Amino acid sequence: ISEGLLMYLPEAVVAALAGATGEHWHWLTDITSAAMARATGLSSSDPIEKVRSAGHLAGERILGLLRDRGWRVRQHRSFLAPDGGRGQ
C-alpha cells in the first residue's frame, strides 16, 4: 500500500519500487491526475509542492511508469466522476 506516497518520490525511486515485485502481486495506490489537481485547486505554490522531491512525477507519468513495469490497473475510482468513476 503506497497511498499518498508516490507523488512525493523521485522517478528513480518509483521505478525501483515498481520493479521490485518479488512475491507481491497487488499494489494499492492512489494517483492524482492533473485534472484532479485543478479541480481541488492544487498549484505549484501549495505546501505539497514544497515537500516533493526534485524529479517527482505527475500522476499520469506515475501510472505510465507502473504500466511500463508490467503493472495493470485492476480497478480504479475517480473522484471527479459523478458516480465515483468505478471502472476496470
C-alpha atoms as a PDB file:
ATOM      1  CA  ILE A   1       0.000   0.000   0.000  1.00  0.00           C
ATOM      2  CA  SER A   2       1.500   3.315  -1.041  1.00  0.00           C
ATOM      3  CA  GLU A   3      -1.465   5.638  -0.704  1.00  0.00           C
ATOM      4  CA  GLY A   4      -0.351   9.238  -0.961  1.00  0.00           C
ATOM      5  CA  LEU A   5       3.339   8.361  -1.244  1.00  0.00           C
ATOM      6  CA  LEU A   6       4.391   8.039  -4.877  1.00  0.00           C
ATOM      7  CA  MET A   7       3.694  11.673  -5.787  1.00  0.00           C
ATOM      8  CA  TYR A   8       6.460  12.795  -3.403  1.00  0.00           C
ATOM      9  CA  LEU A   9       9.216  10.439  -4.556  1.00  0.00           C
ATOM     10  CA  PRO A  10      11.754  10.936  -7.340  1.00  0.00           C
ATOM     11  CA  GLU A  11      11.203   8.971 -10.542  1.00  0.00           C
ATOM     12  CA  ALA A  12      14.122   6.600  -9.837  1.00  0.00           C
ATOM     13  CA  VAL A  13      12.607   5.532  -6.507  1.00  0.00           C
ATOM     14  CA  VAL A  14       9.154   4.949  -8.011  1.00  0.00           C
ATOM     15  CA  ALA A  15      10.787   2.899 -10.788  1.00  0.00           C
ATOM     16  CA  ALA A  16      12.740   0.834  -8.248  1.00  0.00           C
ATOM     17  CA  LEU A  17       9.598   0.122  -6.224  1.00  0.00           C
ATOM     18  CA  ALA A  18       7.711  -0.848  -9.368  1.00  0.00           C
ATOM     19  CA  GLY A  19      10.495  -3.202 -10.408  1.00  0.00           C
ATOM     20  CA  ALA A  20      10.843  -4.909  -7.022  1.00  0.00           C
ATOM     21  CA  THR A  21       7.720  -7.043  -7.095  1.00  0.00           C
ATOM     22  CA  GLY A  22       9.083 -10.241  -5.578  1.00  0.00           C
ATOM     23  CA  GLU A  23       6.142 -12.251  -4.311  1.00  0.00           C
ATOM     24  CA  HIS A  24       3.806  -9.258  -4.337  1.00  0.00           C
ATOM     25  CA  TRP A  25       1.116  -9.232  -6.966  1.00  0.00           C
ATOM     26  CA  HIS A  26      -1.204  -6.454  -5.763  1.00  0.00           C
ATOM     27  CA  TRP A  27      -0.394  -2.833  -5.166  1.00  0.00           C
ATOM     28  CA  LEU A  28      -2.892  -0.392  -3.718  1.00  0.00           C
ATOM     29  CA  THR A  29      -2.073   3.208  -4.510  1.00  0.00           C
ATOM     30  CA  ASP A  30      -3.714   6.482  -5.317  1.00  0.00           C
ATOM     31  CA  ILE A  31      -2.645   8.676  -8.175  1.00  0.00           C
ATOM     32  CA  THR A  32      -3.709  12.289  -8.525  1.00  0.00           C
ATOM     33  CA  SER A  33      -4.224  13.385 -12.108  1.00  0.00           C
ATOM     34  CA  ALA A  34      -3.705  16.900 -13.413  1.00  0.00           C
ATOM     35  CA  ALA A  35      -7.498  17.203 -13.699  1.00  0.00           C
ATOM     36  CA  MET A  36      -7.908  16.337 -10.018  1.00  0.00           C
ATOM     37  CA  ALA A  37      -5.220  18.838  -9.037  1.00  0.00           C
ATOM     38  CA  ARG A  38      -7.029  21.558 -10.985  1.00  0.00           C
ATOM     39  CA  ALA A  39     -10.417  20.587  -9.527  1.00  0.00           C
ATOM     40  CA  THR A  40      -9.077  20.761  -5.971  1.00  0.00           C
ATOM     41  CA  GLY A  41      -7.112  23.954  -6.524  1.00  0.00           C
ATOM     42  CA  LEU A  42      -3.621  22.483  -6.088  1.00  0.00           C
ATOM     43  CA  SER A  43      -0.917  24.665  -7.564  1.00  0.00           C
ATOM     44  CA  SER A  44       2.848  24.830  -7.634  1.00  0.00           C
ATOM     45  CA  SER A  45       2.785  27.227  -4.664  1.00  0.00           C
ATOM     46  CA  ASP A  46       0.929  24.812  -2.383  1.00  0.00           C
ATOM     47  CA  PRO A  47       2.676  23.273   0.639  1.00  0.00           C
ATOM     48  CA  ILE A  48       2.556  19.860  -1.090  1.00  0.00           C
ATOM     49  CA  GLU A  49       4.879  21.124  -3.812  1.00  0.00           C
ATOM     50  CA  LYS A  50       7.376  22.289  -1.207  1.00  0.00           C
ATOM     51  CA  VAL A  51       7.916  18.755   0.147  1.00  0.00           C
ATOM     52  CA  ARG A  52       8.020  16.869  -3.154  1.00  0.00           C
ATOM     53  CA  SER A  53      11.449  15.742  -4.230  1.00  0.00           C
ATOM     54  CA  ALA A  54      13.177  17.085  -7.289  1.00  0.00           C
ATOM     55  CA  GLY A  55      12.310  14.816 -10.174  1.00  0.00           C
ATOM     56  CA  HIS A  56       8.920  13.746  -8.809  1.00  0.00           C
ATOM     57  CA  LEU A  57       6.381  12.523 -11.339  1.00  0.00           C
ATOM     58  CA  ALA A  58       2.922  13.838 -12.121  1.00  0.00           C
ATOM     59  CA  GLY A  59       0.115  11.339 -11.626  1.00  0.00           C
ATOM     60  CA  GLU A  60      -0.235  10.400 -15.267  1.00  0.00           C
ATOM     61  CA  ARG A  61       3.509   9.756 -15.509  1.00  0.00           C
ATOM     62  CA  ILE A  62       3.422   7.582 -12.381  1.00  0.00           C
ATOM     63  CA  LEU A  63       0.690   5.472 -13.948  1.00  0.00           C
ATOM     64  CA  GLY A  64       2.664   5.218 -17.197  1.00  0.00           C
ATOM     65  CA  LEU A  65       5.805   4.121 -15.355  1.00  0.00           C
ATOM     66  CA  LEU A  66       3.893   1.443 -13.438  1.00  0.00           C
ATOM     67  CA  ARG A  67       2.356   0.154 -16.666  1.00  0.00           C
ATOM     68  CA  ASP A  68       5.794   0.107 -18.330  1.00  0.00           C
ATOM     69  CA  ARG A  69       6.992  -2.118 -15.464  1.00  0.00           C
ATOM     70  CA  GLY A  70       4.162  -4.595 -16.047  1.00  0.00           C
ATOM     71  CA  TRP A  71       1.610  -3.409 -13.501  1.00  0.00           C
ATOM     72  CA  ARG A  72      -2.009  -3.349 -14.634  1.00  0.00           C
ATOM     73  CA  VAL A  73      -4.946  -1.391 -13.294  1.00  0.00           C
ATOM     74  CA  ARG A  74      -7.401  -3.871 -11.902  1.00  0.00           C
ATOM     75  CA  GLN A  75      -9.868  -1.339 -10.577  1.00  0.00           C
ATOM     76  CA  HIS A  76      -9.995   2.409 -10.379  1.00  0.00           C
ATOM     77  CA  ARG A  77     -12.229   5.071  -8.925  1.00  0.00           C
ATOM     78  CA  SER A  78     -12.448   8.656  -9.984  1.00  0.00           C
ATOM     79  CA  PHE A  79     -13.465  11.286  -7.510  1.00  0.00           C
ATOM     80  CA  LEU A  80     -14.196  13.602 -10.434  1.00  0.00           C
ATOM     81  CA  ALA A  81     -16.920  11.388 -11.953  1.00  0.00           C
ATOM     82  CA  PRO A  82     -20.456  11.836 -10.593  1.00  0.00           C
ATOM     83  CA  ASP A  83     -20.851   8.112  -9.900  1.00  0.00           C
ATOM     84  CA  GLY A  84     -17.387   7.689  -8.402  1.00  0.00           C
ATOM     85  CA  GLY A  85     -15.985   6.550 -11.746  1.00  0.00           C
ATOM     86  CA  ARG A  86     -15.771   2.933 -10.727  1.00  0.00           C
ATOM     87  CA  GLY A  87     -14.224   1.001 -13.560  1.00  0.00           C
ATOM     88  CA  GLN A  88     -11.832  -1.651 -14.644  1.00  0.00           C
END
